[in-house]
C-alpha atoms as a PDB file:
ATOM      1  CA  MET A   1     101.742 113.398  90.394  1.00  0.00           C
ATOM      2  CA  THR A   2     103.374 111.811  93.438  1.00  0.00           C
ATOM      3  CA  MET A   3     102.382 108.243  94.245  1.00  0.00           C
ATOM      4  CA  LEU A   4     101.152 108.156  97.829  1.00  0.00           C
ATOM      5  CA  THR A   5     101.076 104.393  98.318  1.00  0.00           C
ATOM      6  CA  ARG A   6     103.882 102.084  99.437  1.00  0.00           C
ATOM      7  CA  GLY A   7     102.291  98.852  98.251  1.00  0.00           C
ATOM      8  CA  LEU A   8      99.284  96.650  98.832  1.00  0.00           C
ATOM      9  CA  SER A   9      98.584  96.060 102.532  1.00  0.00           C
ATOM     10  CA  GLU A  10      95.943  93.365 102.303  1.00  0.00           C
ATOM     11  CA  LEU A  11      93.596  91.487 100.026  1.00  0.00           C
ATOM     12  CA  THR A  12      90.570  89.668 101.397  1.00  0.00           C
ATOM     13  CA  LEU A  13      88.733  86.787  99.764  1.00  0.00           C
ATOM     14  CA  GLN A  14      85.371  85.350 100.692  1.00  0.00           C
ATOM     15  CA  THR A  15      85.280  81.606 101.368  1.00  0.00           C
ATOM     16  CA  ARG A  16      82.945  79.095 102.970  1.00  0.00           C
ATOM     17  CA  ASP A  17      85.974  77.417 104.591  1.00  0.00           C
ATOM     18  CA  PRO A  18      88.627  79.913 105.781  1.00  0.00           C
ATOM     19  CA  ASP A  19      90.725  77.218 107.485  1.00  0.00           C
ATOM     20  CA  GLY A  20      90.631  74.917 104.450  1.00  0.00           C
ATOM     21  CA  LEU A  21      91.596  77.701 102.056  1.00  0.00           C
ATOM     22  CA  ALA A  22      94.400  78.724 104.444  1.00  0.00           C
ATOM     23  CA  ARG A  23      95.765  75.165 104.285  1.00  0.00           C
ATOM     24  CA  PHE A  24      95.739  75.377 100.457  1.00  0.00           C
ATOM     25  CA  TYR A  25      97.731  78.646 100.361  1.00  0.00           C
ATOM     26  CA  GLU A  26     100.141  77.323 102.968  1.00  0.00           C
ATOM     27  CA  ALA A  27     100.704  74.109 100.968  1.00  0.00           C
ATOM     28  CA  VAL A  28     101.095  75.790  97.553  1.00  0.00           C
ATOM     29  CA  LEU A  29     102.774  79.134  98.316  1.00  0.00           C
ATOM     30  CA  GLY A  30     104.090  78.575 101.844  1.00  0.00           C
ATOM     31  CA  LEU A  31     102.007  81.426 103.309  1.00  0.00           C
ATOM     32  CA  PRO A  32     102.098  81.224 107.131  1.00  0.00           C
ATOM     33  CA  VAL A  33      99.045  81.896 109.296  1.00  0.00           C
ATOM     34  CA  LEU A  34      99.280  85.218 111.143  1.00  0.00           C
ATOM     35  CA  SER A  35      96.057  84.893 113.125  1.00  0.00           C
ATOM     36  CA  ARG A  36      92.667  83.214 113.289  1.00  0.00           C
ATOM     37  CA  GLU A  37      89.404  84.841 114.324  1.00  0.00           C
ATOM     38  CA  ASP A  38      85.860  83.465 114.467  1.00  0.00           C
ATOM     39  CA  ASP A  39      85.076  84.156 110.811  1.00  0.00           C
ATOM     40  CA  ARG A  40      88.478  84.727 109.194  1.00  0.00           C
ATOM     41  CA  VAL A  41      92.102  83.688 108.859  1.00  0.00           C
ATOM     42  CA  TRP A  42      94.979  86.073 108.086  1.00  0.00           C
ATOM     43  CA  LEU A  43      98.045  84.857 106.154  1.00  0.00           C
ATOM     44  CA  ALA A  44     101.355  86.652 105.590  1.00  0.00           C
ATOM     45  CA  CYS A  45     102.262  87.055 101.921  1.00  0.00           C
ATOM     46  CA  GLY A  46     105.127  89.521 102.054  1.00  0.00           C
ATOM     47  CA  GLU A  47     106.889  91.749 104.531  1.00  0.00           C
ATOM     48  CA  GLN A  48     103.960  94.165 104.813  1.00  0.00           C
ATOM     49  CA  THR A  49     101.134  92.358 103.023  1.00  0.00           C
ATOM     50  CA  ARG A  50      98.510  89.953 104.281  1.00  0.00           C
ATOM     51  CA  LEU A  51      95.792  87.815 102.724  1.00  0.00           C
ATOM     52  CA  GLY A  52      92.472  87.621 104.553  1.00  0.00           C
ATOM     53  CA  LEU A  53      90.226  84.596 104.086  1.00  0.00           C
ATOM     54  CA  TRP A  54      86.773  85.558 105.376  1.00  0.00           C
ATOM     55  CA  SER A  55      83.535  83.649 105.724  1.00  0.00           C
ATOM     56  CA  PRO A  56      80.569  85.042 103.708  1.00  0.00           C
ATOM     57  CA  GLY A  57      78.508  87.938 104.980  1.00  0.00           C
ATOM     58  CA  GLU A  58      78.797  91.661 105.482  1.00  0.00           C
ATOM     59  CA  LYS A  59      81.690  92.678 107.722  1.00  0.00           C
ATOM     60  CA  GLU A  60      82.290  95.635 110.007  1.00  0.00           C
ATOM     61  CA  PHE A  61      83.064  98.118 107.226  1.00  0.00           C
ATOM     62  CA  GLY A  62      80.281  97.055 104.857  1.00  0.00           C
ATOM     63  CA  ASP A  63      82.525  94.624 102.982  1.00  0.00           C
ATOM     64  CA  GLU A  64      80.641  92.205 100.755  1.00  0.00           C
ATOM     65  CA  GLY A  65      81.997  89.419  98.593  1.00  0.00           C
ATOM     66  CA  GLY A  66      82.285  89.820  94.843  1.00  0.00           C
ATOM     67  CA  ARG A  67      84.029  88.341  91.829  1.00  0.00           C
ATOM     68  CA  HIS A  68      87.405  89.660  90.788  1.00  0.00           C
ATOM     69  CA  VAL A  69      89.302  88.996  87.570  1.00  0.00           C
ATOM     70  CA  HIS A  70      92.505  87.677  89.188  1.00  0.00           C
ATOM     71  CA  TYR A  71      95.266  88.700  91.535  1.00  0.00           C
ATOM     72  CA  ALA A  72      99.007  88.029  91.458  1.00  0.00           C
ATOM     73  CA  PHE A  73     101.682  87.153  93.996  1.00  0.00           C
ATOM     74  CA  SER A  74     105.263  88.190  93.304  1.00  0.00           C
ATOM     75  CA  VAL A  75     107.521  85.143  93.685  1.00  0.00           C
ATOM     76  CA  ALA A  76     111.272  84.538  93.647  1.00  0.00           C
ATOM     77  CA  PRO A  77     113.110  83.415  90.501  1.00  0.00           C
ATOM     78  CA  GLY A  78     112.830  79.660  90.076  1.00  0.00           C
ATOM     79  CA  ALA A  79     109.784  79.359  92.350  1.00  0.00           C
ATOM     80  CA  LEU A  80     107.287  78.680  89.555  1.00  0.00           C
ATOM     81  CA  ASP A  81     108.467  75.096  89.049  1.00  0.00           C
ATOM     82  CA  GLU A  82     108.146  74.359  92.763  1.00  0.00           C
ATOM     83  CA  ILE A  83     104.678  75.930  92.895  1.00  0.00           C
ATOM     84  CA  ALA A  84     103.592  73.881  89.860  1.00  0.00           C
ATOM     85  CA  GLY A  85     104.829  70.720  91.572  1.00  0.00           C
ATOM     86  CA  ARG A  86     102.953  71.541  94.755  1.00  0.00           C
ATOM     87  CA  LEU A  87      99.766  72.159  92.780  1.00  0.00           C
ATOM     88  CA  ARG A  88     100.102  68.869  90.913  1.00  0.00           C
ATOM     89  CA  ALA A  89     100.639  67.057  94.225  1.00  0.00           C
ATOM     90  CA  LEU A  90      97.237  68.453  95.257  1.00  0.00           C
ATOM     91  CA  GLY A  91      95.649  67.242  92.016  1.00  0.00           C
ATOM     92  CA  ARG A  92      95.505  70.683  90.378  1.00  0.00           C
ATOM     93  CA  GLU A  93      96.989  71.446  86.972  1.00  0.00           C
ATOM     94  CA  PRO A  94      98.416  74.977  86.629  1.00  0.00           C
ATOM     95  CA  ARG A  95      98.380  76.940  83.365  1.00  0.00           C
ATOM     96  CA  GLY A  96     101.792  78.041  82.200  1.00  0.00           C
ATOM     97  CA  PRO A  97     104.330  79.181  82.848  1.00  0.00           C
ATOM     98  CA  VAL A  98     103.520  81.985  80.436  1.00  0.00           C
ATOM     99  CA  GLU A  99     106.464  84.129  79.364  1.00  0.00           C
ATOM    100  CA  HIS A 100     105.904  87.900  79.267  1.00  0.00           C
ATOM    101  CA  ASP A 101     107.804  90.584  77.378  1.00  0.00           C
ATOM    102  CA  GLY A 102     111.059  91.209  79.211  1.00  0.00           C
ATOM    103  CA  GLY A 103     111.522  87.594  80.308  1.00  0.00           C
ATOM    104  CA  ASP A 104     109.461  87.363  83.478  1.00  0.00           C
ATOM    105  CA  ARG A 105     106.987  84.477  83.719  1.00  0.00           C
ATOM    106  CA  SER A 106     103.615  83.692  85.286  1.00  0.00           C
ATOM    107  CA  LEU A 107     101.837  80.558  86.417  1.00  0.00           C
ATOM    108  CA  TYR A 108      98.031  80.624  86.730  1.00  0.00           C
ATOM    109  CA  PHE A 109      95.855  78.389  88.896  1.00  0.00           C
ATOM    110  CA  GLU A 110      92.529  78.344  90.685  1.00  0.00           C
ATOM    111  CA  ASP A 111      92.274  78.005  94.434  1.00  0.00           C
ATOM    112  CA  PRO A 112      89.606  75.700  95.928  1.00  0.00           C
ATOM    113  CA  GLU A 113      87.068  78.575  95.866  1.00  0.00           C
ATOM    114  CA  GLY A 114      87.575  79.215  92.138  1.00  0.00           C
ATOM    115  CA  ASN A 115      89.648  82.405  92.540  1.00  0.00           C
ATOM    116  CA  LEU A 116      92.150  82.823  89.703  1.00  0.00           C
ATOM    117  CA  VAL A 117      95.628  83.257  91.180  1.00  0.00           C
ATOM    118  CA  GLU A 118      98.807  84.282  89.372  1.00  0.00           C
ATOM    119  CA  ALA A 119     102.302  83.530  90.644  1.00  0.00           C
ATOM    120  CA  TRP A 120     104.580  86.011  88.848  1.00  0.00           C
ATOM    121  CA  ASP A 121     108.366  86.191  88.934  1.00  0.00           C
ATOM    122  CA  ILE A 122     107.916  89.872  88.059  1.00  0.00           C
ATOM    123  CA  PHE A 123     110.981  91.958  87.277  1.00  0.00           C
ATOM    124  CA  GLU A 124     113.338  89.125  88.156  1.00  0.00           C
ATOM    125  CA  GLN A 125     114.627  88.649  84.631  1.00  0.00           C
ATOM    126  CA  GLY A 126     115.167  90.633  81.479  1.00  0.00           C
ATOM    127  CA  GLU A 127     114.682  94.329  80.903  1.00  0.00           C
ATOM    128  CA  GLY A 128     111.703  94.594  83.249  1.00  0.00           C
ATOM    129  CA  ALA A 129     114.110  94.161  86.159  1.00  0.00           C
ATOM    130  CA  ARG A 130     115.564  97.582  85.453  1.00  0.00           C
ATOM    131  CA  GLU A 131     112.310  99.331  84.758  1.00  0.00           C
ATOM    132  CA  GLY A 132     110.304  98.431  87.853  1.00  0.00           C
ATOM    133  CA  VAL A 133     106.592  99.072  88.030  1.00  0.00           C
ATOM    134  CA  ALA A 134     106.789 101.740  85.302  1.00  0.00           C
ATOM    135  CA  ALA A 135     107.327  98.932  82.787  1.00  0.00           C
ATOM    136  CA  LEU A 136     103.813  97.654  83.487  1.00  0.00           C
ATOM    137  CA  SER A 137     102.181 100.776  82.062  1.00  0.00           C
ATOM    138  CA  GLU A 138     104.122 100.487  78.806  1.00  0.00           C
ATOM    139  CA  GLY A 139     102.965  96.940  77.960  1.00  0.00           C
END
């Protein structure tokens, strides 16, 4: 079957303080603000991906907040140490880095709203670099 997607376009999180959570993601991951609206802030987190931080309540398409397991950002090789340092400067202790099969590593942390975030240097090292996303289904 042919994959019809090109990647993830956006992820939205519910927060009581969109501006405050935006400052956290800017400080830890360097995500720049794309735009601000009355009840939301949009951050860039890749060439074609954005993170929406929305205030609680039903939105125009029936969106409602919920609890997810976690989500992951792909980061450059060597970035995990810098991210860990930024988190510690904010008084937050990350978990990891955790090494995965193939040599790539992840760092886990909670944002101020309690969302579990993973920073993953996916496919940057080891055999996974050659395999791409197909390697994920084998592990």
